[in-house]
N, C-alpha and C. Protein backbone atom coordinates (compact mmCIF):
# COMPACT_ATOMS: atom_id res chain seq x y z
N MET A 1 -20.71 -28.49 -14.82
CA MET A 1 -20.03 -27.35 -14.24
C MET A 1 -20.84 -26.09 -14.56
N ASN A 2 -21.08 -25.29 -13.55
CA ASN A 2 -21.88 -24.08 -13.70
C ASN A 2 -20.94 -22.87 -13.83
N PRO A 3 -20.87 -22.25 -15.01
CA PRO A 3 -19.97 -21.10 -15.19
C PRO A 3 -20.30 -19.94 -14.26
N ASP A 4 -21.59 -19.72 -13.99
CA ASP A 4 -21.97 -18.62 -13.11
C ASP A 4 -21.46 -18.86 -11.69
N ALA A 5 -21.55 -20.09 -11.22
CA ALA A 5 -21.07 -20.41 -9.87
C ALA A 5 -19.56 -20.22 -9.79
N ASN A 6 -18.86 -20.63 -10.84
CA ASN A 6 -17.41 -20.43 -10.85
C ASN A 6 -17.05 -18.95 -10.84
N TYR A 7 -17.80 -18.17 -11.60
CA TYR A 7 -17.56 -16.73 -11.65
C TYR A 7 -17.81 -16.09 -10.29
N GLU A 8 -18.91 -16.48 -9.64
CA GLU A 8 -19.23 -15.93 -8.32
C GLU A 8 -18.18 -16.32 -7.29
N ALA A 9 -17.70 -17.55 -7.35
CA ALA A 9 -16.65 -17.99 -6.43
C ALA A 9 -15.37 -17.20 -6.68
N PHE A 10 -15.06 -16.97 -7.95
CA PHE A 10 -13.88 -16.20 -8.30
C PHE A 10 -14.01 -14.76 -7.81
N GLN A 11 -15.18 -14.16 -8.01
CA GLN A 11 -15.42 -12.80 -7.54
C GLN A 11 -15.25 -12.71 -6.03
N GLN A 12 -15.80 -13.70 -5.31
CA GLN A 12 -15.69 -13.69 -3.86
C GLN A 12 -14.24 -13.83 -3.41
N SER A 13 -13.48 -14.67 -4.09
CA SER A 13 -12.07 -14.83 -3.70
C SER A 13 -11.29 -13.54 -3.93
N LEU A 14 -11.62 -12.80 -5.00
CA LEU A 14 -10.97 -11.51 -5.23
C LEU A 14 -11.35 -10.50 -4.15
N LYS A 15 -12.62 -10.49 -3.75
CA LYS A 15 -13.05 -9.59 -2.68
C LYS A 15 -12.34 -9.92 -1.37
N ASP A 16 -12.21 -11.22 -1.07
CA ASP A 16 -11.52 -11.64 0.15
C ASP A 16 -10.05 -11.23 0.11
N LEU A 17 -9.43 -11.39 -1.05
CA LEU A 17 -8.03 -11.01 -1.21
C LEU A 17 -7.86 -9.50 -1.03
N ALA A 18 -8.75 -8.72 -1.62
CA ALA A 18 -8.68 -7.26 -1.50
C ALA A 18 -8.87 -6.83 -0.04
N ALA A 19 -9.79 -7.48 0.67
CA ALA A 19 -10.03 -7.15 2.07
C ALA A 19 -8.80 -7.47 2.92
N ALA A 20 -8.18 -8.62 2.67
CA ALA A 20 -6.97 -8.99 3.41
C ALA A 20 -5.84 -8.01 3.11
N HIS A 21 -5.75 -7.60 1.86
CA HIS A 21 -4.71 -6.64 1.47
C HIS A 21 -4.91 -5.31 2.20
N GLU A 22 -6.13 -4.81 2.21
CA GLU A 22 -6.40 -3.54 2.88
C GLU A 22 -6.16 -3.65 4.38
N ALA A 23 -6.52 -4.78 4.98
CA ALA A 23 -6.31 -4.96 6.41
C ALA A 23 -4.83 -4.95 6.75
N SER A 24 -4.01 -5.45 5.86
CA SER A 24 -2.57 -5.50 6.12
C SER A 24 -1.92 -4.14 5.94
N ARG A 25 -2.63 -3.19 5.37
CA ARG A 25 -2.05 -1.87 5.09
C ARG A 25 -2.38 -0.85 6.16
N ASP A 26 -2.85 -1.29 7.33
CA ASP A 26 -3.17 -0.35 8.40
C ASP A 26 -1.93 0.28 9.02
N ASP A 27 -0.79 -0.36 8.88
CA ASP A 27 0.44 0.16 9.44
C ASP A 27 0.89 1.36 8.61
N PRO A 28 1.00 2.54 9.23
CA PRO A 28 1.33 3.74 8.45
C PRO A 28 2.81 3.85 8.07
N VAL A 29 3.19 3.14 7.04
CA VAL A 29 4.55 3.24 6.51
C VAL A 29 4.47 3.34 5.00
N PRO A 30 5.42 4.03 4.37
CA PRO A 30 5.44 4.06 2.90
C PRO A 30 5.65 2.63 2.36
N THR A 31 4.88 2.28 1.34
CA THR A 31 4.97 0.94 0.77
C THR A 31 5.13 0.99 -0.74
N CYS A 32 5.68 -0.07 -1.28
CA CYS A 32 5.80 -0.27 -2.72
C CYS A 32 5.78 -1.78 -2.93
N HIS A 33 5.08 -2.23 -3.93
CA HIS A 33 4.94 -3.67 -4.19
C HIS A 33 4.43 -4.40 -2.94
N PHE A 34 3.52 -3.73 -2.19
CA PHE A 34 2.90 -4.29 -0.99
C PHE A 34 3.92 -4.61 0.10
N ARG A 35 5.06 -3.94 0.08
CA ARG A 35 6.11 -4.14 1.07
C ARG A 35 6.51 -2.78 1.65
N PRO A 36 6.92 -2.74 2.92
CA PRO A 36 7.41 -1.48 3.48
C PRO A 36 8.68 -1.03 2.76
N MET A 37 8.77 0.27 2.53
CA MET A 37 9.97 0.82 1.90
C MET A 37 11.01 1.09 2.99
N THR A 38 12.29 1.11 2.61
CA THR A 38 13.39 1.32 3.55
C THR A 38 13.81 2.78 3.51
N PHE A 39 13.96 3.38 4.69
CA PHE A 39 14.40 4.77 4.77
C PHE A 39 15.91 4.82 4.61
N HIS A 40 16.37 5.77 3.80
CA HIS A 40 17.80 6.00 3.60
C HIS A 40 18.09 7.47 3.84
N ASP A 41 19.02 7.74 4.73
CA ASP A 41 19.44 9.11 5.00
C ASP A 41 20.49 9.51 3.98
N SER A 42 20.50 10.77 3.61
CA SER A 42 21.48 11.26 2.64
C SER A 42 22.73 11.75 3.37
N ASP A 43 23.87 11.14 3.05
CA ASP A 43 25.13 11.57 3.68
C ASP A 43 25.58 12.93 3.17
N SER A 44 25.33 13.21 1.91
CA SER A 44 25.80 14.47 1.32
C SER A 44 24.92 15.65 1.70
N ASN A 45 23.65 15.40 1.99
CA ASN A 45 22.74 16.47 2.35
C ASN A 45 21.82 15.98 3.46
N PRO A 46 22.15 16.28 4.72
CA PRO A 46 21.37 15.76 5.84
C PRO A 46 19.90 16.20 5.83
N ALA A 47 19.59 17.27 5.11
CA ALA A 47 18.21 17.74 5.04
C ALA A 47 17.35 16.85 4.14
N TYR A 48 17.99 16.01 3.34
CA TYR A 48 17.23 15.17 2.41
C TYR A 48 17.42 13.70 2.77
N GLY A 49 16.33 13.04 2.94
CA GLY A 49 16.32 11.59 3.12
C GLY A 49 15.23 11.06 2.23
N GLY A 50 15.20 9.80 2.03
CA GLY A 50 14.16 9.25 1.18
C GLY A 50 13.92 7.78 1.47
N TYR A 51 12.93 7.26 0.80
CA TYR A 51 12.56 5.86 0.95
C TYR A 51 12.84 5.14 -0.36
N GLN A 52 13.28 3.89 -0.23
CA GLN A 52 13.58 3.08 -1.41
C GLN A 52 12.91 1.73 -1.28
N CYS A 53 12.37 1.26 -2.40
CA CYS A 53 11.77 -0.07 -2.46
C CYS A 53 12.89 -1.10 -2.61
N ASP A 54 12.95 -2.04 -1.69
CA ASP A 54 13.97 -3.09 -1.77
C ASP A 54 13.69 -4.07 -2.90
N PHE A 55 12.46 -4.07 -3.42
CA PHE A 55 12.09 -4.99 -4.49
C PHE A 55 12.48 -4.45 -5.86
N CYS A 56 12.07 -3.19 -6.16
CA CYS A 56 12.30 -2.65 -7.50
C CYS A 56 13.33 -1.53 -7.54
N GLY A 57 13.69 -0.98 -6.37
CA GLY A 57 14.70 0.06 -6.32
C GLY A 57 14.17 1.47 -6.51
N HIS A 58 12.86 1.63 -6.71
CA HIS A 58 12.32 2.98 -6.93
C HIS A 58 12.40 3.77 -5.62
N THR A 59 12.63 5.07 -5.75
CA THR A 59 12.79 5.92 -4.58
C THR A 59 11.74 7.02 -4.56
N GLU A 60 11.47 7.50 -3.35
CA GLU A 60 10.56 8.63 -3.15
C GLU A 60 11.14 9.50 -2.06
N GLY A 61 10.94 10.80 -2.19
CA GLY A 61 11.33 11.71 -1.13
C GLY A 61 10.43 11.53 0.08
N VAL A 62 10.89 12.02 1.21
CA VAL A 62 10.15 11.86 2.46
C VAL A 62 8.75 12.47 2.36
N ASP A 63 8.67 13.71 1.86
CA ASP A 63 7.37 14.39 1.79
C ASP A 63 6.39 13.64 0.90
N GLU A 64 6.85 13.20 -0.27
CA GLU A 64 5.99 12.47 -1.20
C GLU A 64 5.53 11.14 -0.60
N ALA A 65 6.45 10.42 0.03
CA ALA A 65 6.12 9.12 0.60
C ALA A 65 5.07 9.26 1.69
N TRP A 66 5.23 10.23 2.58
CA TRP A 66 4.27 10.39 3.67
C TRP A 66 2.96 10.99 3.20
N ALA A 67 2.97 11.77 2.13
CA ALA A 67 1.71 12.25 1.55
C ALA A 67 0.89 11.07 1.03
N LYS A 68 1.57 10.09 0.43
CA LYS A 68 0.87 8.89 -0.05
C LYS A 68 0.32 8.06 1.10
N VAL A 69 1.08 7.98 2.20
CA VAL A 69 0.61 7.26 3.39
C VAL A 69 -0.65 7.93 3.92
N GLU A 70 -0.63 9.25 4.01
CA GLU A 70 -1.79 9.99 4.50
C GLU A 70 -3.00 9.79 3.59
N ALA A 71 -2.79 9.84 2.28
CA ALA A 71 -3.89 9.63 1.34
C ALA A 71 -4.45 8.22 1.47
N ARG A 72 -3.57 7.24 1.64
CA ARG A 72 -4.01 5.85 1.79
C ARG A 72 -4.82 5.68 3.07
N SER A 73 -4.39 6.32 4.16
CA SER A 73 -5.11 6.24 5.43
C SER A 73 -6.49 6.88 5.31
N THR A 74 -6.56 8.02 4.64
CA THR A 74 -7.84 8.70 4.43
C THR A 74 -8.78 7.84 3.61
N GLN A 75 -8.26 7.21 2.57
CA GLN A 75 -9.08 6.34 1.73
C GLN A 75 -9.57 5.13 2.53
N ALA A 76 -8.73 4.56 3.37
CA ALA A 76 -9.13 3.41 4.18
C ALA A 76 -10.24 3.78 5.14
N ILE A 77 -10.17 4.98 5.71
CA ILE A 77 -11.23 5.43 6.62
C ILE A 77 -12.54 5.58 5.87
N LYS A 78 -12.49 6.14 4.66
CA LYS A 78 -13.71 6.30 3.86
C LYS A 78 -14.30 4.95 3.48
N LEU A 79 -13.44 3.98 3.13
CA LEU A 79 -13.93 2.65 2.76
C LEU A 79 -14.58 1.95 3.94
N LYS A 80 -14.01 2.11 5.13
CA LYS A 80 -14.59 1.48 6.32
C LYS A 80 -15.94 2.11 6.65
N ALA A 81 -16.06 3.41 6.41
CA ALA A 81 -17.31 4.10 6.71
C ALA A 81 -18.43 3.70 5.75
N THR A 82 -18.07 3.39 4.51
CA THR A 82 -19.10 3.04 3.53
C THR A 82 -19.31 1.54 3.41
N GLY A 83 -18.34 0.74 3.86
CA GLY A 83 -18.40 -0.69 3.64
C GLY A 83 -19.00 -1.44 4.73
């Protein structure tokens, strides 16, 4: 058994997994735990709505969630340009 070959195969599988993950994130929606977050409107204050992770329950305000989506989209464009 060649440890270097195993390491290279492992590295390649991680690269493939990362590429598949990035490809799946092209949809511009707030995400958490690699899943789309659910939008919840506030009944008590219509001006405030937010997103909640159905997996862990963490919440983000609308502005923060969409700022992260924008940053993720910008990063993906940079990675495609350099990769």
